[in-house]
Amino acid sequence: MNERILELARQVWPDPSVSHVNHEKFAELIVRDCMDVAKNWDDQLISAKLVKESNAVGIVVYRIARQFGVKE
């Protein structure tokens, strides 16, 4: 696992000795993190005046949110 996944895991279960794990929350954090990466890229495309590309990224963010039932 990379460090980012470990950081997200610590947000869900900070104490590794805890047996109860909120898998749903962990999955949501990963999906939101992926959406944030895409939104950041979208901001860069807008700054570069690449509107078509920006629209495509926006659609991808929307579809990811919809696919996993996460509100933007």
N, C-alpha and C. Protein backbone atom coordinates (compact mmCIF):
# COMPACT_ATOMS: atom_id res chain seq x y z
N MET A 1 0.84 -1.18 0.00
CA MET A 1 0.00 0.00 0.00
C MET A 1 0.88 1.24 0.00
N ASN A 2 0.44 2.24 -0.74
CA ASN A 2 1.23 3.46 -0.72
C ASN A 2 0.82 4.33 0.47
N GLU A 3 1.57 5.39 0.70
CA GLU A 3 1.36 6.24 1.88
C GLU A 3 -0.01 6.89 1.89
N ARG A 4 -0.53 7.27 0.73
CA ARG A 4 -1.84 7.93 0.70
C ARG A 4 -2.94 6.98 1.18
N ILE A 5 -2.89 5.72 0.77
CA ILE A 5 -3.88 4.75 1.23
C ILE A 5 -3.76 4.55 2.73
N LEU A 6 -2.54 4.52 3.24
CA LEU A 6 -2.34 4.40 4.68
C LEU A 6 -2.89 5.61 5.42
N GLU A 7 -2.71 6.81 4.86
CA GLU A 7 -3.26 8.02 5.47
C GLU A 7 -4.79 7.94 5.53
N LEU A 8 -5.40 7.49 4.45
CA LEU A 8 -6.85 7.36 4.42
C LEU A 8 -7.31 6.29 5.42
N ALA A 9 -6.58 5.21 5.50
CA ALA A 9 -6.93 4.14 6.44
C ALA A 9 -6.88 4.66 7.88
N ARG A 10 -5.91 5.50 8.20
CA ARG A 10 -5.80 6.05 9.55
C ARG A 10 -6.99 6.96 9.89
N GLN A 11 -7.61 7.56 8.88
CA GLN A 11 -8.79 8.39 9.13
C GLN A 11 -9.99 7.54 9.54
N VAL A 12 -10.02 6.31 9.08
CA VAL A 12 -11.14 5.42 9.37
C VAL A 12 -10.89 4.64 10.66
N TRP A 13 -9.69 4.11 10.82
CA TRP A 13 -9.36 3.37 12.03
C TRP A 13 -7.95 3.75 12.48
N PRO A 14 -7.86 4.82 13.31
CA PRO A 14 -6.56 5.31 13.77
C PRO A 14 -5.81 4.32 14.66
N ASP A 15 -6.54 3.44 15.32
CA ASP A 15 -5.92 2.46 16.21
C ASP A 15 -5.96 1.09 15.54
N PRO A 16 -4.81 0.56 15.12
CA PRO A 16 -4.80 -0.73 14.41
C PRO A 16 -5.31 -1.90 15.24
N SER A 17 -5.38 -1.73 16.57
CA SER A 17 -5.87 -2.83 17.40
C SER A 17 -7.40 -2.92 17.41
N VAL A 18 -8.07 -1.90 16.84
CA VAL A 18 -9.53 -1.91 16.79
C VAL A 18 -9.97 -2.93 15.76
N SER A 19 -10.89 -3.78 16.17
CA SER A 19 -11.31 -4.85 15.25
C SER A 19 -12.39 -4.40 14.27
N HIS A 20 -13.18 -3.38 14.65
CA HIS A 20 -14.24 -2.91 13.76
C HIS A 20 -13.66 -1.96 12.73
N VAL A 21 -13.90 -2.26 11.47
CA VAL A 21 -13.40 -1.44 10.38
C VAL A 21 -14.58 -0.95 9.56
N ASN A 22 -14.63 0.35 9.30
CA ASN A 22 -15.70 0.92 8.50
C ASN A 22 -15.25 0.92 7.03
N HIS A 23 -15.47 -0.20 6.38
CA HIS A 23 -15.04 -0.36 4.99
C HIS A 23 -15.73 0.63 4.06
N GLU A 24 -17.01 0.91 4.34
CA GLU A 24 -17.75 1.83 3.49
C GLU A 24 -17.12 3.23 3.53
N LYS A 25 -16.78 3.70 4.71
CA LYS A 25 -16.17 5.02 4.84
C LYS A 25 -14.80 5.04 4.16
N PHE A 26 -14.04 3.97 4.33
CA PHE A 26 -12.72 3.88 3.70
C PHE A 26 -12.85 3.95 2.18
N ALA A 27 -13.79 3.21 1.63
CA ALA A 27 -14.01 3.23 0.18
C ALA A 27 -14.43 4.62 -0.28
N GLU A 28 -15.29 5.27 0.49
CA GLU A 28 -15.72 6.63 0.13
C GLU A 28 -14.54 7.59 0.12
N LEU A 29 -13.65 7.48 1.10
CA LEU A 29 -12.47 8.35 1.14
C LEU A 29 -11.59 8.15 -0.09
N ILE A 30 -11.44 6.91 -0.53
CA ILE A 30 -10.63 6.64 -1.72
C ILE A 30 -11.29 7.24 -2.96
N VAL A 31 -12.60 7.06 -3.09
CA VAL A 31 -13.32 7.61 -4.24
C VAL A 31 -13.21 9.14 -4.25
N ARG A 32 -13.42 9.76 -3.08
CA ARG A 32 -13.32 11.23 -2.99
C ARG A 32 -11.92 11.71 -3.34
N ASP A 33 -10.91 10.97 -2.90
CA ASP A 33 -9.54 11.34 -3.21
C ASP A 33 -9.29 11.29 -4.72
N CYS A 34 -9.81 10.27 -5.38
CA CYS A 34 -9.68 10.16 -6.84
C CYS A 34 -10.40 11.32 -7.52
N MET A 35 -11.58 11.67 -7.01
CA MET A 35 -12.32 12.80 -7.58
C MET A 35 -11.54 14.10 -7.39
N ASP A 36 -10.89 14.25 -6.25
CA ASP A 36 -10.09 15.46 -6.00
C ASP A 36 -8.91 15.56 -6.97
N VAL A 37 -8.30 14.42 -7.28
CA VAL A 37 -7.20 14.42 -8.25
C VAL A 37 -7.71 14.91 -9.60
N ALA A 38 -8.86 14.38 -10.02
CA ALA A 38 -9.44 14.79 -11.31
C ALA A 38 -9.84 16.27 -11.29
N LYS A 39 -10.43 16.73 -10.19
CA LYS A 39 -10.82 18.14 -10.10
C LYS A 39 -9.61 19.06 -10.16
N ASN A 40 -8.52 18.64 -9.54
CA ASN A 40 -7.29 19.42 -9.59
C ASN A 40 -6.79 19.52 -11.04
N TRP A 41 -6.86 18.41 -11.74
CA TRP A 41 -6.45 18.41 -13.15
C TRP A 41 -7.38 19.30 -13.96
N ASP A 42 -8.67 19.26 -13.64
CA ASP A 42 -9.65 20.10 -14.32
C ASP A 42 -9.30 21.58 -14.13
N ASP A 43 -8.93 21.97 -12.92
CA ASP A 43 -8.54 23.36 -12.66
C ASP A 43 -7.34 23.76 -13.51
N GLN A 44 -6.40 22.84 -13.67
CA GLN A 44 -5.21 23.14 -14.48
C GLN A 44 -5.59 23.31 -15.95
N LEU A 45 -6.52 22.48 -16.41
CA LEU A 45 -6.96 22.59 -17.81
C LEU A 45 -7.69 23.91 -18.05
N ILE A 46 -8.51 24.32 -17.09
CA ILE A 46 -9.21 25.60 -17.21
C ILE A 46 -8.20 26.74 -17.27
N SER A 47 -7.18 26.67 -16.41
CA SER A 47 -6.14 27.71 -16.41
C SER A 47 -5.41 27.78 -17.75
N ALA A 48 -5.28 26.63 -18.39
CA ALA A 48 -4.60 26.57 -19.68
C ALA A 48 -5.55 26.84 -20.85
N LYS A 49 -6.81 27.19 -20.51
CA LYS A 49 -7.84 27.49 -21.51
C LYS A 49 -8.13 26.31 -22.44
N LEU A 50 -8.07 25.11 -21.86
CA LEU A 50 -8.39 23.89 -22.61
C LEU A 50 -9.79 23.44 -22.20
N VAL A 51 -10.79 24.13 -22.75
CA VAL A 51 -12.17 23.96 -22.32
C VAL A 51 -12.71 22.57 -22.64
N LYS A 52 -12.48 22.07 -23.83
CA LYS A 52 -12.99 20.75 -24.20
C LYS A 52 -12.44 19.67 -23.27
N GLU A 53 -11.15 19.73 -23.02
CA GLU A 53 -10.52 18.76 -22.14
C GLU A 53 -11.08 18.89 -20.72
N SER A 54 -11.28 20.14 -20.28
CA SER A 54 -11.83 20.39 -18.95
C SER A 54 -13.23 19.80 -18.83
N ASN A 55 -14.04 19.99 -19.85
CA ASN A 55 -15.39 19.43 -19.84
C ASN A 55 -15.36 17.90 -19.73
N ALA A 56 -14.42 17.29 -20.44
CA ALA A 56 -14.30 15.83 -20.39
C ALA A 56 -13.94 15.36 -18.99
N VAL A 57 -13.02 16.05 -18.34
CA VAL A 57 -12.63 15.69 -16.98
C VAL A 57 -13.81 15.88 -16.03
N GLY A 58 -14.55 16.96 -16.21
CA GLY A 58 -15.73 17.19 -15.38
C GLY A 58 -16.75 16.07 -15.51
N ILE A 59 -16.92 15.57 -16.70
CA ILE A 59 -17.84 14.46 -16.93
C ILE A 59 -17.34 13.20 -16.21
N VAL A 60 -16.05 12.98 -16.26
CA VAL A 60 -15.47 11.81 -15.58
C VAL A 60 -15.69 11.91 -14.07
N VAL A 61 -15.47 13.09 -13.50
CA VAL A 61 -15.69 13.28 -12.06
C VAL A 61 -17.15 12.99 -11.72
N TYR A 62 -18.06 13.52 -12.52
CA TYR A 62 -19.48 13.29 -12.30
C TYR A 62 -19.82 11.81 -12.36
N ARG A 63 -19.28 11.12 -13.35
CA ARG A 63 -19.59 9.70 -13.53
C ARG A 63 -19.00 8.85 -12.41
N ILE A 64 -17.83 9.21 -11.94
CA ILE A 64 -17.24 8.49 -10.80
C ILE A 64 -18.15 8.66 -9.58
N ALA A 65 -18.55 9.90 -9.32
CA ALA A 65 -19.42 10.16 -8.17
C ALA A 65 -20.73 9.37 -8.29
N ARG A 66 -21.30 9.37 -9.46
CA ARG A 66 -22.55 8.67 -9.69
C ARG A 66 -22.38 7.15 -9.56
N GLN A 67 -21.30 6.64 -10.11
CA GLN A 67 -21.04 5.19 -10.08
C GLN A 67 -20.95 4.67 -8.66
N PHE A 68 -20.31 5.46 -7.78
CA PHE A 68 -20.08 5.01 -6.41
C PHE A 68 -21.03 5.64 -5.40
N GLY A 69 -21.97 6.45 -5.87
CA GLY A 69 -22.96 7.03 -4.98
C GLY A 69 -22.39 8.04 -3.99
N VAL A 70 -21.37 8.76 -4.44
CA VAL A 70 -20.72 9.77 -3.60
C VAL A 70 -21.14 11.15 -4.10
N LYS A 71 -21.59 12.01 -3.18
CA LYS A 71 -21.98 13.35 -3.57
C LYS A 71 -20.73 14.21 -3.75
N GLU A 72 -20.76 15.02 -4.80
CA GLU A 72 -19.59 15.88 -5.10
C GLU A 72 -19.40 16.96 -4.08
